[in-house]
Structure formats: structure tokens, C-alpha cells
């Protein structure tokens, strides 16, 4: 039995552990257009890639609905509305429980909800600088994997560049002796 969409949980969820439908322009599916039908990988960042997390996202002909299917089984139909406060008035999903516009929805207990309804927390603020850089690299690599079947995705080149930049930042935050030992081990292993 699934929990009704209006139920607001008392506990908080970690964003990195939830199945995520990202509708943003740069990190997610991209600009939503009427008739758009693409595959999207909703695998959480903290989990290994799983084919059962891939869904087909289809925007209706009038750009009023967004249909989500997994293995040809209907999961949800979400309402879409234009965000008039943004440049170009992009389409955003309407959270089924609170009616707010959201570009990122999380699947929990069989329902899609926004981060406010699920009381989502983000782990990155609870770590030191080196750990945050490592988590950023993991998150960016995950984004790159999620957009693998979106060949014309605008952000793939930017994501690759950002991974390199964060990798340099991670190396800069390491103590010099540790970095030398890691480099020496990698050279000895080759």
C-alpha cells in the first residue's frame, strides 16, 4: 500500500539517495518541448547504475502533461506549467502535493514530490573541503552517465570541463606528501 500524495513525512530524506527526475535545462533532461519523448536514468547518486531506474519521459502535445513510464508501465502523469518568472518561461512540473513549480522531483513511496514536501536534505554541507570536492566529482560523473543517451544534450561538454576543474581542486586540497605517494603508486602500477 502506498502513502497518499498529501502526506508529509516527519523524517528527512537525503537527496543523494532518492530517485530523481531532473527537468532543469543544464543538468537534467533539458528544455521541455511539446511532443518530447526521451529516456532518463533516475538512479540516485549514492547507488550503482541500475537499468530498472531508467524511465521514458514524454511531454504531451499541448505541453500540459508529463508522462513517466518504466518498462512500458505507467508510473505517473504530472501537470506542467510555464514558469513566468524565468527568462523564456520554461515548462516546469507542478508538485502533485503542494502545487508548487519544481524542476526536480523525487520519487518516494510511489509518488513524485518536490524537495520541500519530502523535506530533502543535502549531505554536501556536512563535510570538509576535500570530501565535498570528491562528492561534487561523483555527482558530475553521475550526471554525465544520466545524459549518456541524450546525444544532443547541451551540458555534456560543460559537465566534462567541470569534472576536470573539480579534480584539480581535489588534488590541490590534498597534502603534498600524499599526492606524491599516490602519483608514485600510479606510476609503479603501470
N, C-alpha and C. Protein backbone atom coordinates (compact mmCIF):
# COMPACT_ATOMS: atom_id res chain seq x y z
N UNK A 1 0.85 -1.18 0.00
CA UNK A 1 0.00 0.00 0.00
C UNK A 1 0.89 1.24 0.00
N UNK A 2 0.63 2.16 -0.89
CA UNK A 2 1.45 3.38 -0.95
C UNK A 2 0.79 4.50 -0.15
N UNK A 3 1.61 5.43 0.24
CA UNK A 3 1.16 6.56 1.06
C UNK A 3 0.52 7.61 0.16
N UNK A 4 -0.57 8.24 0.57
CA UNK A 4 -1.23 9.25 -0.28
C UNK A 4 -0.33 10.46 -0.54
N UNK A 5 -0.53 11.15 -1.68
CA UNK A 5 0.37 12.25 -2.05
C UNK A 5 0.35 13.45 -1.11
N UNK A 6 -0.70 13.64 -0.34
CA UNK A 6 -0.76 14.79 0.55
C UNK A 6 -0.04 14.56 1.87
N UNK A 7 0.41 13.32 2.12
CA UNK A 7 1.09 13.00 3.37
C UNK A 7 2.48 13.63 3.37
N UNK A 8 2.81 14.35 4.43
CA UNK A 8 4.13 14.96 4.57
C UNK A 8 4.90 14.22 5.65
N UNK A 9 6.02 13.59 5.29
CA UNK A 9 6.74 12.77 6.27
C UNK A 9 7.38 13.60 7.38
N UNK A 10 7.55 13.00 8.54
CA UNK A 10 8.21 13.67 9.64
C UNK A 10 9.72 13.57 9.54
N UNK A 11 10.21 12.49 8.94
CA UNK A 11 11.66 12.35 8.80
C UNK A 11 12.14 13.01 7.51
N UNK A 12 13.42 13.32 7.47
CA UNK A 12 14.01 13.94 6.30
C UNK A 12 14.64 12.89 5.41
N UNK A 13 14.68 13.17 4.10
CA UNK A 13 15.30 12.29 3.13
C UNK A 13 16.60 12.91 2.64
N UNK A 14 17.57 12.09 2.35
CA UNK A 14 18.83 12.54 1.79
C UNK A 14 18.67 12.59 0.27
N UNK A 15 18.91 13.75 -0.33
CA UNK A 15 18.70 13.93 -1.77
C UNK A 15 19.53 12.97 -2.60
N UNK A 16 20.73 12.66 -2.15
CA UNK A 16 21.62 11.80 -2.92
C UNK A 16 21.17 10.35 -2.94
N UNK A 17 20.18 9.98 -2.11
CA UNK A 17 19.72 8.60 -2.04
C UNK A 17 18.34 8.40 -2.68
N UNK A 18 17.73 9.45 -3.23
CA UNK A 18 16.39 9.35 -3.81
C UNK A 18 16.43 9.26 -5.34
N UNK A 19 15.46 8.56 -5.92
CA UNK A 19 15.30 8.55 -7.36
C UNK A 19 14.86 9.95 -7.78
N UNK A 20 15.57 10.53 -8.76
CA UNK A 20 15.36 11.93 -9.10
C UNK A 20 14.97 12.11 -10.56
N UNK A 21 13.92 12.89 -10.79
CA UNK A 21 13.53 13.29 -12.14
C UNK A 21 13.93 14.76 -12.27
N UNK A 22 15.02 15.01 -12.97
CA UNK A 22 15.60 16.35 -13.08
C UNK A 22 15.17 16.98 -14.39
N UNK A 23 14.37 18.04 -14.32
CA UNK A 23 13.85 18.70 -15.52
C UNK A 23 14.57 20.00 -15.83
N UNK A 24 15.73 20.24 -15.21
CA UNK A 24 16.43 21.50 -15.44
C UNK A 24 17.08 21.52 -16.82
N UNK A 25 17.43 22.70 -17.30
CA UNK A 25 17.98 22.84 -18.64
C UNK A 25 19.42 22.35 -18.75
N UNK A 26 20.24 22.61 -17.75
CA UNK A 26 21.67 22.30 -17.88
C UNK A 26 22.04 20.95 -17.30
N UNK A 27 21.48 20.57 -16.17
CA UNK A 27 21.91 19.33 -15.53
C UNK A 27 20.97 18.17 -15.81
N UNK A 28 19.79 18.44 -16.27
CA UNK A 28 18.80 17.38 -16.43
C UNK A 28 18.42 17.13 -17.87
N UNK A 29 17.17 16.86 -18.08
CA UNK A 29 16.64 16.48 -19.37
C UNK A 29 16.80 17.59 -20.39
N UNK A 30 16.72 18.82 -19.95
CA UNK A 30 16.86 19.95 -20.87
C UNK A 30 15.53 20.65 -21.05
N UNK A 31 15.47 21.57 -22.00
CA UNK A 31 14.21 22.31 -22.19
C UNK A 31 13.09 21.37 -22.61
N UNK A 32 11.98 21.44 -21.91
CA UNK A 32 10.83 20.60 -22.24
C UNK A 32 10.07 21.24 -23.39
N UNK A 33 9.77 20.45 -24.40
CA UNK A 33 9.04 20.93 -25.57
C UNK A 33 7.89 19.98 -25.82
N UNK A 34 6.78 20.47 -26.41
CA UNK A 34 5.65 19.58 -26.72
C UNK A 34 6.09 18.43 -27.63
N UNK A 35 5.67 17.22 -27.27
CA UNK A 35 6.00 16.05 -28.07
C UNK A 35 7.33 15.40 -27.75
N UNK A 36 8.11 15.97 -26.83
CA UNK A 36 9.42 15.42 -26.46
C UNK A 36 9.24 14.06 -25.78
N UNK A 37 10.03 13.07 -26.20
CA UNK A 37 9.99 11.74 -25.61
C UNK A 37 11.41 11.20 -25.54
N UNK A 38 11.94 11.07 -24.32
CA UNK A 38 13.32 10.63 -24.14
C UNK A 38 13.44 9.68 -22.96
N UNK A 39 14.57 8.97 -22.91
CA UNK A 39 14.88 8.10 -21.78
C UNK A 39 15.66 8.91 -20.74
N UNK A 40 15.43 8.61 -19.46
CA UNK A 40 16.14 9.30 -18.39
C UNK A 40 16.47 8.28 -17.31
N UNK A 41 17.68 8.37 -16.78
CA UNK A 41 18.13 7.48 -15.73
C UNK A 41 17.94 8.19 -14.39
N UNK A 42 17.07 7.65 -13.53
CA UNK A 42 16.76 8.28 -12.25
C UNK A 42 17.60 7.71 -11.11
N UNK A 43 18.68 6.99 -11.42
CA UNK A 43 19.49 6.34 -10.40
C UNK A 43 20.02 7.37 -9.40
N UNK A 44 19.87 7.10 -8.10
CA UNK A 44 20.42 8.02 -7.09
C UNK A 44 21.94 8.07 -7.17
N UNK A 45 22.51 9.17 -6.76
CA UNK A 45 23.96 9.38 -6.83
C UNK A 45 24.70 8.37 -5.97
N UNK A 46 24.15 7.99 -4.83
CA UNK A 46 24.84 7.09 -3.93
C UNK A 46 24.73 5.61 -4.31
N UNK A 47 24.01 5.31 -5.40
CA UNK A 47 23.80 3.92 -5.80
C UNK A 47 24.49 3.63 -7.12
N UNK A 48 24.73 2.36 -7.37
CA UNK A 48 25.27 1.94 -8.66
C UNK A 48 24.17 2.04 -9.71
N UNK A 49 24.55 2.24 -10.96
CA UNK A 49 23.58 2.36 -12.03
C UNK A 49 22.75 1.08 -12.14
N UNK A 50 21.45 1.26 -12.28
CA UNK A 50 20.54 0.13 -12.34
C UNK A 50 19.57 0.34 -13.50
N UNK A 51 19.49 -0.61 -14.45
CA UNK A 51 18.59 -0.43 -15.59
C UNK A 51 17.12 -0.27 -15.21
N UNK A 52 16.73 -0.77 -14.03
CA UNK A 52 15.33 -0.63 -13.63
C UNK A 52 14.97 0.80 -13.25
N UNK A 53 15.97 1.68 -13.10
CA UNK A 53 15.71 3.08 -12.77
C UNK A 53 15.55 3.96 -14.01
N UNK A 54 15.68 3.36 -15.20
CA UNK A 54 15.51 4.15 -16.43
C UNK A 54 14.02 4.29 -16.74
N UNK A 55 13.63 5.50 -17.09
CA UNK A 55 12.23 5.76 -17.41
C UNK A 55 12.13 6.50 -18.73
N UNK A 56 10.97 6.41 -19.36
CA UNK A 56 10.68 7.19 -20.56
C UNK A 56 9.82 8.36 -20.14
N UNK A 57 10.29 9.56 -20.46
CA UNK A 57 9.59 10.79 -20.11
C UNK A 57 9.01 11.37 -21.40
N UNK A 58 7.69 11.62 -21.43
CA UNK A 58 7.03 12.12 -22.61
C UNK A 58 6.22 13.36 -22.25
N UNK A 59 6.44 14.43 -23.02
CA UNK A 59 5.67 15.67 -22.83
C UNK A 59 4.48 15.61 -23.78
N UNK A 60 3.29 15.95 -23.29
CA UNK A 60 2.08 15.92 -24.10
C UNK A 60 2.13 16.92 -25.25
N UNK A 61 1.25 16.73 -26.24
CA UNK A 61 1.24 17.57 -27.44
C UNK A 61 0.96 19.04 -27.12
N UNK A 62 0.14 19.31 -26.11
CA UNK A 62 -0.17 20.71 -25.74
C UNK A 62 0.74 21.21 -24.62
N UNK A 63 1.72 20.43 -24.23
CA UNK A 63 2.66 20.78 -23.16
C UNK A 63 1.94 21.02 -21.84
N UNK A 64 0.89 20.24 -21.58
CA UNK A 64 0.16 20.35 -20.32
C UNK A 64 0.50 19.22 -19.35
N UNK A 65 0.99 18.09 -19.90
CA UNK A 65 1.27 16.93 -19.05
C UNK A 65 2.64 16.33 -19.36
N UNK A 66 3.17 15.65 -18.37
CA UNK A 66 4.43 14.93 -18.49
C UNK A 66 4.15 13.50 -18.01
N UNK A 67 4.33 12.53 -18.90
CA UNK A 67 4.06 11.14 -18.58
C UNK A 67 5.37 10.42 -18.32
N UNK A 68 5.41 9.66 -17.24
CA UNK A 68 6.61 8.91 -16.86
C UNK A 68 6.26 7.43 -16.90
N UNK A 69 7.02 6.65 -17.70
CA UNK A 69 6.79 5.21 -17.81
C UNK A 69 8.09 4.47 -17.56
N UNK A 70 7.98 3.34 -16.88
CA UNK A 70 9.13 2.46 -16.66
C UNK A 70 8.77 1.12 -17.27
N UNK A 71 9.58 0.68 -18.23
CA UNK A 71 9.34 -0.60 -18.92
C UNK A 71 7.91 -0.70 -19.42
N UNK A 72 7.46 0.35 -20.05
CA UNK A 72 6.12 0.47 -20.65
C UNK A 72 4.99 0.46 -19.64
N UNK A 73 5.32 0.52 -18.36
CA UNK A 73 4.29 0.61 -17.33
C UNK A 73 4.20 2.06 -16.85
N UNK A 74 2.99 2.55 -16.79
CA UNK A 74 2.75 3.92 -16.38
C UNK A 74 3.09 4.10 -14.90
N UNK A 75 3.95 5.10 -14.60
CA UNK A 75 4.29 5.41 -13.21
C UNK A 75 3.50 6.62 -12.74
N UNK A 76 3.53 7.70 -13.55
CA UNK A 76 2.86 8.93 -13.13
C UNK A 76 2.58 9.82 -14.33
N UNK A 77 1.58 10.65 -14.18
CA UNK A 77 1.31 11.73 -15.11
C UNK A 77 1.35 13.01 -14.29
N UNK A 78 2.27 13.89 -14.64
CA UNK A 78 2.45 15.13 -13.90
C UNK A 78 1.96 16.31 -14.73
N UNK A 79 1.41 17.30 -14.06
CA UNK A 79 0.99 18.51 -14.76
C UNK A 79 2.20 19.40 -15.01
N UNK A 80 2.17 20.12 -16.13
CA UNK A 80 3.22 21.08 -16.46
C UNK A 80 2.62 22.48 -16.51
N UNK A 81 3.44 23.46 -16.16
CA UNK A 81 3.01 24.86 -16.24
C UNK A 81 4.23 25.71 -16.56
N UNK A 82 4.02 26.81 -17.24
CA UNK A 82 5.12 27.71 -17.58
C UNK A 82 5.54 28.52 -16.36
N UNK A 83 6.85 28.64 -16.18
CA UNK A 83 7.41 29.44 -15.09
C UNK A 83 7.64 30.84 -15.63
N UNK A 84 6.69 31.72 -15.40
CA UNK A 84 6.74 33.06 -15.99
C UNK A 84 7.78 33.96 -15.34
N UNK A 85 8.35 33.54 -14.21
CA UNK A 85 9.37 34.36 -13.56
C UNK A 85 10.77 34.10 -14.10
N UNK A 86 10.91 33.12 -14.99
CA UNK A 86 12.20 32.80 -15.60
C UNK A 86 12.24 33.29 -17.03
N UNK A 87 13.44 33.55 -17.53
CA UNK A 87 13.62 34.00 -18.91
C UNK A 87 13.20 32.88 -19.85
N UNK A 88 12.36 33.19 -20.81
CA UNK A 88 11.89 32.20 -21.77
C UNK A 88 10.70 31.40 -21.27
N UNK A 89 10.25 31.63 -20.06
CA UNK A 89 9.12 30.94 -19.45
C UNK A 89 9.18 29.43 -19.69
N UNK A 90 10.20 28.74 -19.12
CA UNK A 90 10.34 27.30 -19.35
C UNK A 90 9.21 26.52 -18.69
N UNK A 91 8.97 25.33 -19.20
CA UNK A 91 7.98 24.44 -18.60
C UNK A 91 8.57 23.81 -17.35
N UNK A 92 7.78 23.77 -16.30
CA UNK A 92 8.17 23.14 -15.05
C UNK A 92 7.06 22.18 -14.63
N UNK A 93 7.41 21.19 -13.85
CA UNK A 93 6.42 20.26 -13.31
C UNK A 93 5.75 20.89 -12.09
N UNK A 94 4.49 20.55 -11.90
CA UNK A 94 3.75 21.01 -10.73
C UNK A 94 3.77 19.87 -9.72
N UNK A 95 4.24 20.14 -8.53
CA UNK A 95 4.29 19.12 -7.49
C UNK A 95 2.86 18.68 -7.17
N UNK A 96 2.57 17.37 -7.23
CA UNK A 96 1.20 16.90 -7.00
C UNK A 96 0.65 17.19 -5.60
N UNK A 97 1.53 17.33 -4.60
CA UNK A 97 1.01 17.52 -3.24
C UNK A 97 0.91 18.98 -2.81
N UNK A 98 1.86 19.84 -3.23
CA UNK A 98 1.82 21.23 -2.75
C UNK A 98 1.52 22.24 -3.87
N UNK A 99 1.44 21.79 -5.12
CA UNK A 99 1.09 22.64 -6.27
C UNK A 99 2.16 23.68 -6.61
N UNK A 100 3.37 23.55 -6.09
CA UNK A 100 4.45 24.48 -6.44
C UNK A 100 5.16 24.00 -7.69
N UNK A 101 5.74 24.95 -8.44
CA UNK A 101 6.53 24.59 -9.61
C UNK A 101 7.88 24.04 -9.15
N UNK A 102 8.32 22.98 -9.79
CA UNK A 102 9.60 22.37 -9.42
C UNK A 102 10.29 21.86 -10.68
N UNK A 103 11.61 22.01 -10.74
CA UNK A 103 12.33 21.43 -11.86
C UNK A 103 12.99 20.12 -11.47
N UNK A 104 12.92 19.76 -10.19
CA UNK A 104 13.45 18.48 -9.74
C UNK A 104 12.43 17.83 -8.82
N UNK A 105 11.98 16.64 -9.22
CA UNK A 105 11.03 15.89 -8.42
C UNK A 105 11.67 14.59 -7.98
N UNK A 106 11.31 14.15 -6.78
CA UNK A 106 11.88 12.93 -6.21
C UNK A 106 10.78 11.88 -6.09
N UNK A 107 11.13 10.63 -6.36
CA UNK A 107 10.18 9.52 -6.25
C UNK A 107 10.37 8.85 -4.90
N UNK A 108 9.35 8.95 -4.05
CA UNK A 108 9.40 8.33 -2.72
C UNK A 108 8.02 7.76 -2.41
N UNK A 109 8.00 6.53 -1.93
CA UNK A 109 6.74 5.85 -1.58
C UNK A 109 5.80 5.75 -2.78
N UNK A 110 6.33 5.70 -3.99
CA UNK A 110 5.49 5.55 -5.18
C UNK A 110 4.91 6.84 -5.72
N UNK A 111 5.28 7.99 -5.16
CA UNK A 111 4.75 9.29 -5.60
C UNK A 111 5.90 10.23 -5.92
N UNK A 112 5.70 11.08 -6.92
CA UNK A 112 6.66 12.15 -7.21
C UNK A 112 6.30 13.35 -6.35
N UNK A 113 7.32 13.92 -5.69
CA UNK A 113 7.11 15.12 -4.88
C UNK A 113 8.34 16.02 -4.97
N UNK A 114 8.15 17.28 -4.65
CA UNK A 114 9.28 18.23 -4.68
C UNK A 114 10.10 18.08 -3.40
N UNK A 115 11.23 18.74 -3.36
CA UNK A 115 12.12 18.66 -2.20
C UNK A 115 11.52 19.23 -0.93
N UNK A 116 10.67 20.26 -1.06
CA UNK A 116 10.03 20.84 0.13
C UNK A 116 9.07 19.86 0.79
N UNK A 117 8.29 19.16 -0.01
CA UNK A 117 7.32 18.21 0.54
C UNK A 117 8.00 17.04 1.24
N UNK A 118 9.14 16.60 0.70
CA UNK A 118 9.86 15.47 1.28
C UNK A 118 10.85 15.90 2.35
N UNK A 119 11.01 17.20 2.53
CA UNK A 119 11.99 17.73 3.48
C UNK A 119 13.38 17.18 3.17
N UNK A 120 13.79 17.35 1.93
CA UNK A 120 15.06 16.82 1.44
C UNK A 120 16.23 17.59 2.03
N UNK A 121 17.26 16.86 2.44
CA UNK A 121 18.50 17.47 2.91
C UNK A 121 19.63 17.08 1.97
N UNK A 122 20.65 17.89 1.94
CA UNK A 122 21.80 17.65 1.08
C UNK A 122 23.02 17.44 1.95
N UNK A 123 23.73 16.35 1.71
CA UNK A 123 24.85 15.96 2.58
C UNK A 123 26.09 16.80 2.36
N UNK A 124 26.20 17.51 1.27
CA UNK A 124 27.46 18.19 0.93
C UNK A 124 27.86 19.26 1.94
N UNK A 125 26.95 19.86 2.63
CA UNK A 125 27.30 20.90 3.59
C UNK A 125 27.83 20.36 4.91
N UNK A 126 27.82 19.04 5.07
CA UNK A 126 28.22 18.45 6.34
C UNK A 126 29.62 17.86 6.30
N UNK A 127 30.39 18.14 5.26
CA UNK A 127 31.71 17.52 5.11
C UNK A 127 32.79 18.58 5.01
N UNK A 128 34.05 18.12 5.06
CA UNK A 128 35.15 19.07 4.88
C UNK A 128 35.39 19.32 3.39
N UNK A 129 36.31 20.23 3.08
CA UNK A 129 36.52 20.68 1.70
C UNK A 129 36.90 19.54 0.76
N UNK A 130 37.77 18.64 1.18
CA UNK A 130 38.21 17.55 0.32
C UNK A 130 37.06 16.59 0.02
N UNK A 131 36.26 16.27 1.03
CA UNK A 131 35.13 15.37 0.83
C UNK A 131 34.07 16.00 -0.07
N UNK A 132 33.84 17.30 0.10
CA UNK A 132 32.87 17.99 -0.77
C UNK A 132 33.32 17.97 -2.21
N UNK A 133 34.62 18.18 -2.45
CA UNK A 133 35.14 18.12 -3.83
C UNK A 133 34.97 16.73 -4.42
N UNK A 134 35.22 15.70 -3.62
CA UNK A 134 35.06 14.33 -4.09
C UNK A 134 33.60 14.03 -4.41
N UNK A 135 32.69 14.48 -3.57
CA UNK A 135 31.26 14.27 -3.80
C UNK A 135 30.81 15.04 -5.05
N UNK A 136 31.33 16.26 -5.24
CA UNK A 136 30.99 17.02 -6.45
C UNK A 136 31.41 16.26 -7.70
N UNK A 137 32.62 15.68 -7.67
CA UNK A 137 33.10 14.91 -8.83
C UNK A 137 32.19 13.72 -9.07
N UNK A 138 31.81 13.00 -8.01
CA UNK A 138 30.91 11.86 -8.16
C UNK A 138 29.56 12.29 -8.74
N UNK A 139 29.04 13.42 -8.26
CA UNK A 139 27.75 13.91 -8.74
C UNK A 139 27.82 14.30 -10.22
N UNK A 140 28.91 14.95 -10.61
CA UNK A 140 29.07 15.35 -12.01
C UNK A 140 29.24 14.13 -12.91
N UNK A 141 30.01 13.14 -12.46
CA UNK A 141 30.16 11.91 -13.25
C UNK A 141 28.82 11.20 -13.38
N UNK A 142 28.03 11.24 -12.32
CA UNK A 142 26.70 10.64 -12.37
C UNK A 142 25.82 11.37 -13.39
N UNK A 143 25.88 12.70 -13.40
CA UNK A 143 25.12 13.48 -14.39
C UNK A 143 25.53 13.13 -15.81
N UNK A 144 26.83 12.96 -16.00
CA UNK A 144 27.34 12.60 -17.32
C UNK A 144 26.80 11.23 -17.73
N UNK A 145 26.73 10.29 -16.80
CA UNK A 145 26.16 8.97 -17.10
C UNK A 145 24.67 9.06 -17.41
N UNK A 146 23.94 9.90 -16.65
CA UNK A 146 22.50 10.04 -16.86
C UNK A 146 22.17 10.63 -18.22
N UNK A 147 23.03 11.50 -18.72
CA UNK A 147 22.76 12.14 -20.02
C UNK A 147 23.40 11.39 -21.17
N UNK A 148 23.83 10.15 -20.92
CA UNK A 148 24.52 9.37 -21.93
C UNK A 148 23.66 9.16 -23.18
N UNK A 149 22.35 8.88 -23.00
CA UNK A 149 21.51 8.63 -24.18
C UNK A 149 20.94 9.93 -24.75
N UNK A 150 21.28 11.07 -24.21
CA UNK A 150 20.85 12.36 -24.75
C UNK A 150 22.01 12.92 -25.57
N UNK A 151 22.13 12.47 -26.78
CA UNK A 151 23.32 12.80 -27.58
C UNK A 151 23.48 14.30 -27.81
N UNK A 152 22.39 15.03 -27.90
CA UNK A 152 22.49 16.47 -28.18
C UNK A 152 22.35 17.31 -26.91
N UNK A 153 22.60 16.73 -25.77
CA UNK A 153 22.47 17.46 -24.51
C UNK A 153 23.50 18.58 -24.46
N UNK A 154 23.03 19.80 -24.19
CA UNK A 154 23.91 20.97 -24.23
C UNK A 154 24.97 20.98 -23.14
N UNK A 155 24.70 20.35 -22.02
CA UNK A 155 25.59 20.49 -20.89
C UNK A 155 26.70 19.45 -20.78
N UNK A 156 26.75 18.47 -21.69
CA UNK A 156 27.74 17.39 -21.56
C UNK A 156 29.17 17.92 -21.58
N UNK A 157 29.47 18.84 -22.48
CA UNK A 157 30.83 19.40 -22.56
C UNK A 157 31.15 20.20 -21.30
N UNK A 158 30.17 20.96 -20.82
CA UNK A 158 30.38 21.74 -19.60
C UNK A 158 30.59 20.84 -18.39
N UNK A 159 29.85 19.73 -18.35
CA UNK A 159 30.00 18.81 -17.23
C UNK A 159 31.39 18.19 -17.24
N UNK A 160 31.88 17.80 -18.42
CA UNK A 160 33.23 17.22 -18.53
C UNK A 160 34.29 18.22 -18.08
N UNK A 161 34.14 19.48 -18.49
CA UNK A 161 35.08 20.52 -18.09
C UNK A 161 35.04 20.74 -16.58
N UNK A 162 33.84 20.72 -16.02
CA UNK A 162 33.69 20.92 -14.58
C UNK A 162 34.30 19.75 -13.80
N UNK A 163 34.20 18.53 -14.32
CA UNK A 163 34.82 17.38 -13.66
C UNK A 163 36.33 17.57 -13.59
N UNK A 164 36.93 18.02 -14.69
CA UNK A 164 38.38 18.26 -14.69
C UNK A 164 38.77 19.35 -13.69
N UNK A 165 37.96 20.43 -13.65
CA UNK A 165 38.23 21.53 -12.73
C UNK A 165 38.13 21.08 -11.27
N UNK A 166 37.10 20.29 -10.96
CA UNK A 166 36.93 19.80 -9.59
C UNK A 166 38.03 18.80 -9.23
N UNK A 167 38.49 18.02 -10.21
CA UNK A 167 39.58 17.08 -9.96
C UNK A 167 40.86 17.84 -9.61
N UNK A 168 41.12 18.93 -10.31
CA UNK A 168 42.29 19.77 -9.99
C UNK A 168 42.13 20.37 -8.59
N UNK A 169 40.92 20.78 -8.26
CA UNK A 169 40.65 21.35 -6.94
C UNK A 169 40.86 20.31 -5.83
N UNK A 170 40.46 19.06 -6.10
CA UNK A 170 40.65 17.99 -5.14
C UNK A 170 42.14 17.73 -4.94
N UNK A 171 42.89 17.68 -6.04
CA UNK A 171 44.34 17.45 -5.93
C UNK A 171 45.03 18.59 -5.18
N UNK A 172 44.55 19.81 -5.38
CA UNK A 172 45.15 20.96 -4.69
C UNK A 172 44.87 20.92 -3.18
N UNK A 173 43.76 20.32 -2.78
CA UNK A 173 43.42 20.28 -1.36
C UNK A 173 44.13 19.14 -0.62
N UNK A 174 44.76 18.23 -1.35
CA UNK A 174 45.49 17.12 -0.72
C UNK A 174 46.85 17.58 -0.23
N UNK A 175 47.30 16.99 0.86
CA UNK A 175 48.67 17.29 1.30
C UNK A 175 49.66 16.84 0.23
N UNK A 176 50.76 17.58 0.08
CA UNK A 176 51.74 17.31 -0.98
C UNK A 176 52.35 15.91 -0.85
N UNK A 177 52.61 15.46 0.36
CA UNK A 177 53.23 14.14 0.53
C UNK A 177 52.27 13.03 0.08
N UNK A 178 50.99 13.16 0.40
CA UNK A 178 50.01 12.17 -0.02
C UNK A 178 49.88 12.16 -1.54
N UNK A 179 49.85 13.33 -2.15
CA UNK A 179 49.74 13.43 -3.60
C UNK A 179 50.95 12.78 -4.28
N UNK A 180 52.16 13.00 -3.72
CA UNK A 180 53.37 12.38 -4.29
C UNK A 180 53.30 10.86 -4.21
N UNK A 181 52.83 10.34 -3.05
CA UNK A 181 52.73 8.89 -2.89
C UNK A 181 51.71 8.29 -3.85
N UNK A 182 50.58 8.96 -4.02
CA UNK A 182 49.57 8.47 -4.97
C UNK A 182 50.10 8.47 -6.39
N UNK A 183 50.79 9.53 -6.77
CA UNK A 183 51.37 9.61 -8.11
C UNK A 183 52.42 8.52 -8.31
N UNK A 184 53.23 8.29 -7.30
CA UNK A 184 54.27 7.27 -7.41
C UNK A 184 53.64 5.87 -7.53
N UNK A 185 52.58 5.59 -6.75
CA UNK A 185 51.91 4.29 -6.84
C UNK A 185 51.30 4.07 -8.21
N UNK A 186 50.72 5.13 -8.77
CA UNK A 186 50.11 5.01 -10.10
C UNK A 186 51.17 4.75 -11.17
N UNK A 187 52.33 5.39 -11.04
CA UNK A 187 53.41 5.17 -11.99
C UNK A 187 54.01 3.77 -11.85
N UNK A 188 54.13 3.28 -10.60
CA UNK A 188 54.66 1.94 -10.36
C UNK A 188 53.71 0.86 -10.86
N UNK A 189 52.41 1.15 -10.78
CA UNK A 189 51.41 0.18 -11.23
C UNK A 189 51.37 0.02 -12.74
N UNK A 190 51.78 1.03 -13.49
CA UNK A 190 51.76 0.96 -14.97
C UNK A 190 52.87 0.20 -15.55
